[in-house]
Amino acid sequence: MRQSVDVLAVFDIGAMSPRPIRFKVLEHGIKTTVKVTDIIRIEWMGAGGTTRIEYDCATVSDGRRISYKLLYYYHECRWELQTA
């Protein structure tokens, strides 16, 4: 499942891709802020004229490690959260 999310990201000088810091996700009608604890992999993807960056990320919450994927659509400046 994918949903649009608001992401706070850092655009470092000289870096090819933005680095997500935290994002807000809608869960059960309530917006929750999630801190990006670890970025495991960054991969640039391109198909059909659309360039996106896939971030495999993890967050530690209540002693559990939660993995998820953030997608950044480069030319649209839009973020999506992809969950299993």
C-alpha atoms as a PDB file:
ATOM      1  CA  MET A   1       0.000   0.000   0.000  1.00  0.00           C
ATOM      2  CA  ARG A   2       1.228   3.511  -0.789  1.00  0.00           C
ATOM      3  CA  GLN A   3       0.230   6.827   0.684  1.00  0.00           C
ATOM      4  CA  SER A   4       1.468  10.388   0.246  1.00  0.00           C
ATOM      5  CA  VAL A   5       3.429  11.697   3.214  1.00  0.00           C
ATOM      6  CA  ASP A   6       4.887  15.014   4.345  1.00  0.00           C
ATOM      7  CA  VAL A   7       8.658  14.612   4.740  1.00  0.00           C
ATOM      8  CA  LEU A   8      11.262  16.800   6.405  1.00  0.00           C
ATOM      9  CA  ALA A   9      14.426  16.207   4.374  1.00  0.00           C
ATOM     10  CA  VAL A  10      17.895  17.706   4.187  1.00  0.00           C
ATOM     11  CA  PHE A  11      19.321  18.655   0.802  1.00  0.00           C
ATOM     12  CA  ASP A  12      23.078  18.588   1.460  1.00  0.00           C
ATOM     13  CA  ILE A  13      25.326  20.626  -0.844  1.00  0.00           C
ATOM     14  CA  GLY A  14      26.929  18.292  -3.358  1.00  0.00           C
ATOM     15  CA  ALA A  15      24.695  15.319  -2.512  1.00  0.00           C
ATOM     16  CA  MET A  16      22.779  13.673  -5.339  1.00  0.00           C
ATOM     17  CA  SER A  17      19.668  12.913  -3.276  1.00  0.00           C
ATOM     18  CA  PRO A  18      17.825  14.449  -0.316  1.00  0.00           C
ATOM     19  CA  ARG A  19      18.140  12.724   3.077  1.00  0.00           C
ATOM     20  CA  PRO A  20      14.808  12.136   4.853  1.00  0.00           C
ATOM     21  CA  ILE A  21      14.849  13.020   8.568  1.00  0.00           C
ATOM     22  CA  ARG A  22      11.235  12.429   9.607  1.00  0.00           C
ATOM     23  CA  PHE A  23       7.780  12.211   8.073  1.00  0.00           C
ATOM     24  CA  LYS A  24       4.109  12.413   9.013  1.00  0.00           C
ATOM     25  CA  VAL A  25       1.879   9.450   8.258  1.00  0.00           C
ATOM     26  CA  LEU A  26      -1.887   9.111   8.634  1.00  0.00           C
ATOM     27  CA  GLU A  27      -2.774   6.185  10.922  1.00  0.00           C
ATOM     28  CA  HIS A  28      -6.369   5.562  11.960  1.00  0.00           C
ATOM     29  CA  GLY A  29      -7.276   9.159  11.126  1.00  0.00           C
ATOM     30  CA  ILE A  30      -4.447  10.650  13.202  1.00  0.00           C
ATOM     31  CA  LYS A  31      -1.207  12.122  11.781  1.00  0.00           C
ATOM     32  CA  THR A  32       1.815  10.589  13.492  1.00  0.00           C
ATOM     33  CA  THR A  33       5.411  11.794  13.185  1.00  0.00           C
ATOM     34  CA  VAL A  34       7.972   9.076  12.470  1.00  0.00           C
ATOM     35  CA  LYS A  35      11.718   9.693  12.825  1.00  0.00           C
ATOM     36  CA  VAL A  36      13.926   8.001  10.203  1.00  0.00           C
ATOM     37  CA  THR A  37      16.478   6.204  12.383  1.00  0.00           C
ATOM     38  CA  ASP A  38      18.427   4.375   9.676  1.00  0.00           C
ATOM     39  CA  ILE A  39      18.673   4.539   5.881  1.00  0.00           C
ATOM     40  CA  ILE A  40      19.708   1.081   4.717  1.00  0.00           C
ATOM     41  CA  ARG A  41      19.755   1.552   0.941  1.00  0.00           C
ATOM     42  CA  ILE A  42      19.199   4.336  -1.611  1.00  0.00           C
ATOM     43  CA  GLU A  43      18.442   3.421  -5.215  1.00  0.00           C
ATOM     44  CA  TRP A  44      17.651   5.638  -8.203  1.00  0.00           C
ATOM     45  CA  MET A  45      14.909   4.224 -10.432  1.00  0.00           C
ATOM     46  CA  GLY A  46      13.644   5.443 -13.785  1.00  0.00           C
ATOM     47  CA  ALA A  47      10.852   4.220 -16.037  1.00  0.00           C
ATOM     48  CA  GLY A  48       8.512   5.931 -18.462  1.00  0.00           C
ATOM     49  CA  GLY A  49      10.145   9.330 -17.996  1.00  0.00           C
ATOM     50  CA  THR A  50       9.610   9.246 -14.219  1.00  0.00           C
ATOM     51  CA  THR A  51      12.660   9.400 -11.953  1.00  0.00           C
ATOM     52  CA  ARG A  52      12.267   8.321  -8.359  1.00  0.00           C
ATOM     53  CA  ILE A  53      14.571   7.544  -5.481  1.00  0.00           C
ATOM     54  CA  GLU A  54      13.758   4.562  -3.265  1.00  0.00           C
ATOM     55  CA  TYR A  55      14.921   4.654   0.348  1.00  0.00           C
ATOM     56  CA  ASP A  56      14.840   1.445   2.392  1.00  0.00           C
ATOM     57  CA  CYS A  57      14.566   2.798   5.929  1.00  0.00           C
ATOM     58  CA  ALA A  58      14.091   1.617   9.488  1.00  0.00           C
ATOM     59  CA  THR A  59      12.779   3.154  12.684  1.00  0.00           C
ATOM     60  CA  VAL A  60      12.984   1.931  16.264  1.00  0.00           C
ATOM     61  CA  SER A  61       9.661   2.328  18.085  1.00  0.00           C
ATOM     62  CA  ASP A  62       8.815   0.815  21.490  1.00  0.00           C
ATOM     63  CA  GLY A  63      11.895  -1.405  21.247  1.00  0.00           C
ATOM     64  CA  ARG A  64      10.856  -2.808  17.850  1.00  0.00           C
ATOM     65  CA  ARG A  65      12.592  -2.187  14.540  1.00  0.00           C
ATOM     66  CA  ILE A  66      10.115  -1.220  11.796  1.00  0.00           C
ATOM     67  CA  SER A  67      11.235  -1.339   8.145  1.00  0.00           C
ATOM     68  CA  TYR A  68       9.571   0.628   5.357  1.00  0.00           C
ATOM     69  CA  LYS A  69      10.274   2.228   1.996  1.00  0.00           C
ATOM     70  CA  LEU A  70      10.098   5.946   1.201  1.00  0.00           C
ATOM     71  CA  LEU A  71       9.764   6.959  -2.451  1.00  0.00           C
ATOM     72  CA  TYR A  72      10.799  10.407  -3.677  1.00  0.00           C
ATOM     73  CA  TYR A  73       9.544  11.404  -7.126  1.00  0.00           C
ATOM     74  CA  TYR A  74      12.400  13.632  -8.207  1.00  0.00           C
ATOM     75  CA  HIS A  75      10.774  15.848 -10.857  1.00  0.00           C
ATOM     76  CA  GLU A  76       7.477  16.137  -8.960  1.00  0.00           C
ATOM     77  CA  CYS A  77       9.078  16.835  -5.535  1.00  0.00           C
ATOM     78  CA  ARG A  78       6.619  14.358  -3.998  1.00  0.00           C
ATOM     79  CA  TRP A  79       7.083  11.700  -1.309  1.00  0.00           C
ATOM     80  CA  GLU A  80       5.207   8.431  -0.783  1.00  0.00           C
ATOM     81  CA  LEU A  81       5.404   5.772   1.909  1.00  0.00           C
ATOM     82  CA  GLN A  82       5.236   2.175   0.724  1.00  0.00           C
ATOM     83  CA  THR A  83       4.299  -0.489   3.264  1.00  0.00           C
ATOM     84  CA  ALA A  84       3.814  -4.224   2.889  1.00  0.00           C
END
